[in-house]
Protein backbone atom coordinates (compact mmCIF):
# COMPACT_ATOMS: atom_id res chain seq x y z
CA UNK A 1 0.00 0.00 0.00
CA UNK A 2 1.15 3.53 -0.64
CA UNK A 3 1.39 6.44 1.80
CA UNK A 4 -2.33 7.22 1.49
CA UNK A 5 -3.23 3.67 2.57
CA UNK A 6 -0.90 3.92 5.57
CA UNK A 7 -2.66 7.12 6.70
CA UNK A 8 -6.05 5.38 6.62
CA UNK A 9 -4.73 2.48 8.71
CA UNK A 10 -3.16 4.86 11.25
CA UNK A 11 -6.43 6.79 11.59
CA UNK A 12 -8.29 3.56 12.36
CA UNK A 13 -5.78 2.64 15.04
CA UNK A 14 -6.05 6.05 16.68
CA UNK A 15 -9.83 5.68 17.04
CA UNK A 16 -9.63 2.24 18.67
CA UNK A 17 -9.83 1.83 22.43
CA UNK A 18 -6.66 1.25 24.36
CA UNK A 19 -6.45 -1.84 26.57
CA UNK A 20 -7.59 -1.16 30.10
CA UNK A 21 -9.89 1.71 29.11
CA UNK A 22 -13.68 1.68 28.94
CA UNK A 23 -16.15 -0.36 30.95
CA UNK A 24 -15.30 -2.52 33.95
CA UNK A 25 -14.92 -6.23 33.45
CA UNK A 26 -18.25 -7.97 33.10
CA UNK A 27 -20.35 -4.86 32.54
CA UNK A 28 -21.85 -3.32 29.44
CA UNK A 29 -21.94 0.44 28.98
CA UNK A 30 -25.58 0.80 30.04
CA UNK A 31 -24.98 -0.97 33.37
CA UNK A 32 -26.52 -4.25 32.23
CA UNK A 33 -24.51 -7.43 31.95
CA UNK A 34 -23.49 -8.59 28.50
CA UNK A 35 -25.98 -11.24 27.28
CA UNK A 36 -23.51 -14.13 27.62
CA UNK A 37 -22.81 -13.33 31.27
CA UNK A 38 -26.49 -12.66 32.01
CA UNK A 39 -27.42 -16.14 30.76
CA UNK A 40 -24.77 -17.75 32.96
CA UNK A 41 -25.76 -15.87 36.14
CA UNK A 42 -28.04 -18.37 37.85
CA UNK A 43 -28.89 -19.47 41.37
CA UNK A 44 -27.00 -22.56 42.50
CA UNK A 45 -24.19 -21.95 40.01
CA UNK A 46 -20.79 -20.31 40.57
CA UNK A 47 -20.39 -16.66 39.69
CA UNK A 48 -19.49 -16.67 35.96
CA UNK A 49 -15.81 -16.20 35.13
CA UNK A 50 -15.13 -12.66 33.99
CA UNK A 51 -17.87 -11.19 36.15
CA UNK A 52 -16.50 -8.84 38.74
CA UNK A 53 -19.32 -7.80 41.02
CA UNK A 54 -19.20 -4.48 42.83
CA UNK A 55 -20.01 -4.04 46.52
CA UNK A 56 -23.36 -2.52 47.43
CA UNK A 57 -23.38 1.20 48.24
CA UNK A 58 -23.17 1.86 52.01
CA UNK A 59 -26.71 3.32 52.09
CA UNK A 60 -28.22 0.18 50.60
CA UNK A 61 -26.14 -2.06 52.86
CA UNK A 62 -27.37 -0.08 55.88
CA UNK A 63 -31.01 -0.49 54.79
CA UNK A 64 -30.64 -4.25 54.20
CA UNK A 65 -28.57 -4.95 57.28
CA UNK A 66 -25.47 -7.09 57.32
CA UNK A 67 -25.27 -10.16 55.11
CA UNK A 68 -25.36 -13.57 56.76
CA UNK A 69 -21.84 -14.60 57.87
CA UNK A 70 -20.03 -16.39 55.05
CA UNK A 71 -22.04 -14.59 52.34
CA UNK A 72 -21.59 -11.40 50.39
CA UNK A 73 -23.95 -9.17 48.41
CA UNK A 74 -22.67 -7.83 45.09
CA UNK A 75 -23.97 -5.70 42.26
CA UNK A 76 -23.83 -7.52 38.93
CA UNK A 77 -25.16 -5.28 36.20
CA UNK A 78 -28.61 -4.19 37.41
CA UNK A 79 -28.98 -7.22 39.72
CA UNK A 80 -28.08 -7.73 43.36
CA UNK A 81 -26.50 -11.13 43.92
CA UNK A 82 -25.97 -13.00 47.18
CA UNK A 83 -22.97 -15.33 46.97
CA UNK A 84 -21.30 -17.78 49.30
CA UNK A 85 -17.82 -16.36 49.86
CA UNK A 86 -16.01 -19.69 50.19
CA UNK A 87 -17.30 -21.23 46.96
CA UNK A 88 -18.56 -18.29 44.86
CA UNK A 89 -21.90 -20.09 44.44
CA UNK A 90 -24.83 -17.76 43.75
CA UNK A 91 -27.39 -18.24 46.53
CA UNK A 92 -29.96 -15.66 45.40
CA UNK A 93 -30.51 -13.00 42.76
CA UNK A 94 -32.77 -9.98 42.87
CA UNK A 95 -33.14 -9.04 39.20
CA UNK A 96 -33.24 -5.47 37.87
CA UNK A 97 -33.04 -3.81 41.28
CA UNK A 98 -30.84 -1.04 39.97
CA UNK A 99 -32.62 -0.53 36.66
CA UNK A 100 -32.97 3.17 35.93
CA UNK A 101 -30.75 4.35 38.78
CA UNK A 102 -27.80 6.62 38.24
CA UNK A 103 -24.32 5.66 39.36
C-alpha atoms as a PDB file:
ATOM      1  CA  UNK A   1       0.000   0.000   0.000  1.00  0.00           C
ATOM      2  CA  UNK A   2       1.152   3.529  -0.641  1.00  0.00           C
ATOM      3  CA  UNK A   3       1.393   6.436   1.798  1.00  0.00           C
ATOM      4  CA  UNK A   4      -2.327   7.217   1.490  1.00  0.00           C
ATOM      5  CA  UNK A   5      -3.227   3.672   2.570  1.00  0.00           C
ATOM      6  CA  UNK A   6      -0.905   3.918   5.569  1.00  0.00           C
ATOM      7  CA  UNK A   7      -2.656   7.117   6.701  1.00  0.00           C
ATOM      8  CA  UNK A   8      -6.050   5.381   6.623  1.00  0.00           C
ATOM      9  CA  UNK A   9      -4.728   2.479   8.714  1.00  0.00           C
ATOM     10  CA  UNK A  10      -3.163   4.865  11.247  1.00  0.00           C
ATOM     11  CA  UNK A  11      -6.426   6.788  11.590  1.00  0.00           C
ATOM     12  CA  UNK A  12      -8.293   3.562  12.356  1.00  0.00           C
ATOM     13  CA  UNK A  13      -5.783   2.644  15.043  1.00  0.00           C
ATOM     14  CA  UNK A  14      -6.055   6.049  16.679  1.00  0.00           C
ATOM     15  CA  UNK A  15      -9.826   5.678  17.040  1.00  0.00           C
ATOM     16  CA  UNK A  16      -9.632   2.236  18.670  1.00  0.00           C
ATOM     17  CA  UNK A  17      -9.826   1.829  22.434  1.00  0.00           C
ATOM     18  CA  UNK A  18      -6.662   1.249  24.363  1.00  0.00           C
ATOM     19  CA  UNK A  19      -6.446  -1.845  26.566  1.00  0.00           C
ATOM     20  CA  UNK A  20      -7.595  -1.159  30.099  1.00  0.00           C
ATOM     21  CA  UNK A  21      -9.887   1.709  29.108  1.00  0.00           C
ATOM     22  CA  UNK A  22     -13.675   1.677  28.939  1.00  0.00           C
ATOM     23  CA  UNK A  23     -16.146  -0.356  30.955  1.00  0.00           C
ATOM     24  CA  UNK A  24     -15.305  -2.516  33.949  1.00  0.00           C
ATOM     25  CA  UNK A  25     -14.916  -6.230  33.450  1.00  0.00           C
ATOM     26  CA  UNK A  26     -18.250  -7.966  33.097  1.00  0.00           C
ATOM     27  CA  UNK A  27     -20.354  -4.863  32.539  1.00  0.00           C
ATOM     28  CA  UNK A  28     -21.846  -3.320  29.444  1.00  0.00           C
ATOM     29  CA  UNK A  29     -21.937   0.443  28.979  1.00  0.00           C
ATOM     30  CA  UNK A  30     -25.583   0.798  30.045  1.00  0.00           C
ATOM     31  CA  UNK A  31     -24.977  -0.969  33.373  1.00  0.00           C
ATOM     32  CA  UNK A  32     -26.522  -4.250  32.229  1.00  0.00           C
ATOM     33  CA  UNK A  33     -24.511  -7.425  31.953  1.00  0.00           C
ATOM     34  CA  UNK A  34     -23.495  -8.587  28.505  1.00  0.00           C
ATOM     35  CA  UNK A  35     -25.984 -11.237  27.278  1.00  0.00           C
ATOM     36  CA  UNK A  36     -23.515 -14.127  27.616  1.00  0.00           C
ATOM     37  CA  UNK A  37     -22.808 -13.334  31.272  1.00  0.00           C
ATOM     38  CA  UNK A  38     -26.488 -12.660  32.009  1.00  0.00           C
ATOM     39  CA  UNK A  39     -27.424 -16.135  30.757  1.00  0.00           C
ATOM     40  CA  UNK A  40     -24.775 -17.746  32.963  1.00  0.00           C
ATOM     41  CA  UNK A  41     -25.760 -15.867  36.137  1.00  0.00           C
ATOM     42  CA  UNK A  42     -28.038 -18.369  37.846  1.00  0.00           C
ATOM     43  CA  UNK A  43     -28.889 -19.467  41.370  1.00  0.00           C
ATOM     44  CA  UNK A  44     -26.998 -22.556  42.505  1.00  0.00           C
ATOM     45  CA  UNK A  45     -24.189 -21.945  40.006  1.00  0.00           C
ATOM     46  CA  UNK A  46     -20.795 -20.314  40.568  1.00  0.00           C
ATOM     47  CA  UNK A  47     -20.390 -16.658  39.687  1.00  0.00           C
ATOM     48  CA  UNK A  48     -19.487 -16.674  35.964  1.00  0.00           C
ATOM     49  CA  UNK A  49     -15.806 -16.203  35.127  1.00  0.00           C
ATOM     50  CA  UNK A  50     -15.132 -12.664  33.989  1.00  0.00           C
ATOM     51  CA  UNK A  51     -17.866 -11.193  36.153  1.00  0.00           C
ATOM     52  CA  UNK A  52     -16.495  -8.844  38.745  1.00  0.00           C
ATOM     53  CA  UNK A  53     -19.318  -7.796  41.017  1.00  0.00           C
ATOM     54  CA  UNK A  54     -19.205  -4.481  42.832  1.00  0.00           C
ATOM     55  CA  UNK A  55     -20.008  -4.045  46.517  1.00  0.00           C
ATOM     56  CA  UNK A  56     -23.359  -2.517  47.426  1.00  0.00           C
ATOM     57  CA  UNK A  57     -23.378   1.195  48.244  1.00  0.00           C
ATOM     58  CA  UNK A  58     -23.166   1.859  52.006  1.00  0.00           C
ATOM     59  CA  UNK A  59     -26.708   3.324  52.087  1.00  0.00           C
ATOM     60  CA  UNK A  60     -28.221   0.180  50.597  1.00  0.00           C
ATOM     61  CA  UNK A  61     -26.144  -2.064  52.858  1.00  0.00           C
ATOM     62  CA  UNK A  62     -27.375  -0.083  55.876  1.00  0.00           C
ATOM     63  CA  UNK A  63     -31.014  -0.495  54.788  1.00  0.00           C
ATOM     64  CA  UNK A  64     -30.644  -4.249  54.196  1.00  0.00           C
ATOM     65  CA  UNK A  65     -28.574  -4.946  57.281  1.00  0.00           C
ATOM     66  CA  UNK A  66     -25.465  -7.095  57.321  1.00  0.00           C
ATOM     67  CA  UNK A  67     -25.273 -10.159  55.107  1.00  0.00           C
ATOM     68  CA  UNK A  68     -25.360 -13.568  56.758  1.00  0.00           C
ATOM     69  CA  UNK A  69     -21.835 -14.598  57.872  1.00  0.00           C
ATOM     70  CA  UNK A  70     -20.031 -16.388  55.045  1.00  0.00           C
ATOM     71  CA  UNK A  71     -22.038 -14.587  52.343  1.00  0.00           C
ATOM     72  CA  UNK A  72     -21.592 -11.401  50.385  1.00  0.00           C
ATOM     73  CA  UNK A  73     -23.946  -9.168  48.405  1.00  0.00           C
ATOM     74  CA  UNK A  74     -22.668  -7.829  45.089  1.00  0.00           C
ATOM     75  CA  UNK A  75     -23.972  -5.702  42.262  1.00  0.00           C
ATOM     76  CA  UNK A  76     -23.829  -7.524  38.932  1.00  0.00           C
ATOM     77  CA  UNK A  77     -25.159  -5.278  36.196  1.00  0.00           C
ATOM     78  CA  UNK A  78     -28.612  -4.191  37.406  1.00  0.00           C
ATOM     79  CA  UNK A  79     -28.982  -7.223  39.716  1.00  0.00           C
ATOM     80  CA  UNK A  80     -28.081  -7.729  43.364  1.00  0.00           C
ATOM     81  CA  UNK A  81     -26.503 -11.130  43.918  1.00  0.00           C
ATOM     82  CA  UNK A  82     -25.966 -13.005  47.184  1.00  0.00           C
ATOM     83  CA  UNK A  83     -22.974 -15.331  46.971  1.00  0.00           C
ATOM     84  CA  UNK A  84     -21.297 -17.781  49.302  1.00  0.00           C
ATOM     85  CA  UNK A  85     -17.815 -16.363  49.864  1.00  0.00           C
ATOM     86  CA  UNK A  86     -16.005 -19.694  50.190  1.00  0.00           C
ATOM     87  CA  UNK A  87     -17.300 -21.230  46.955  1.00  0.00           C
ATOM     88  CA  UNK A  88     -18.559 -18.292  44.864  1.00  0.00           C
ATOM     89  CA  UNK A  89     -21.901 -20.087  44.444  1.00  0.00           C
ATOM     90  CA  UNK A  90     -24.828 -17.762  43.750  1.00  0.00           C
ATOM     91  CA  UNK A  91     -27.391 -18.238  46.527  1.00  0.00           C
ATOM     92  CA  UNK A  92     -29.961 -15.664  45.400  1.00  0.00           C
ATOM     93  CA  UNK A  93     -30.512 -13.003  42.756  1.00  0.00           C
ATOM     94  CA  UNK A  94     -32.773  -9.977  42.869  1.00  0.00           C
ATOM     95  CA  UNK A  95     -33.140  -9.041  39.202  1.00  0.00           C
ATOM     96  CA  UNK A  96     -33.238  -5.470  37.868  1.00  0.00           C
ATOM     97  CA  UNK A  97     -33.045  -3.805  41.280  1.00  0.00           C
ATOM     98  CA  UNK A  98     -30.840  -1.041  39.974  1.00  0.00           C
ATOM     99  CA  UNK A  99     -32.622  -0.529  36.663  1.00  0.00           C
ATOM    100  CA  UNK A 100     -32.971   3.166  35.931  1.00  0.00           C
ATOM    101  CA  UNK A 101     -30.752   4.347  38.783  1.00  0.00           C
ATOM    102  CA  UNK A 102     -27.799   6.616  38.239  1.00  0.00           C
ATOM    103  CA  UNK A 103     -24.322   5.658  39.359  1.00  0.00           C
END
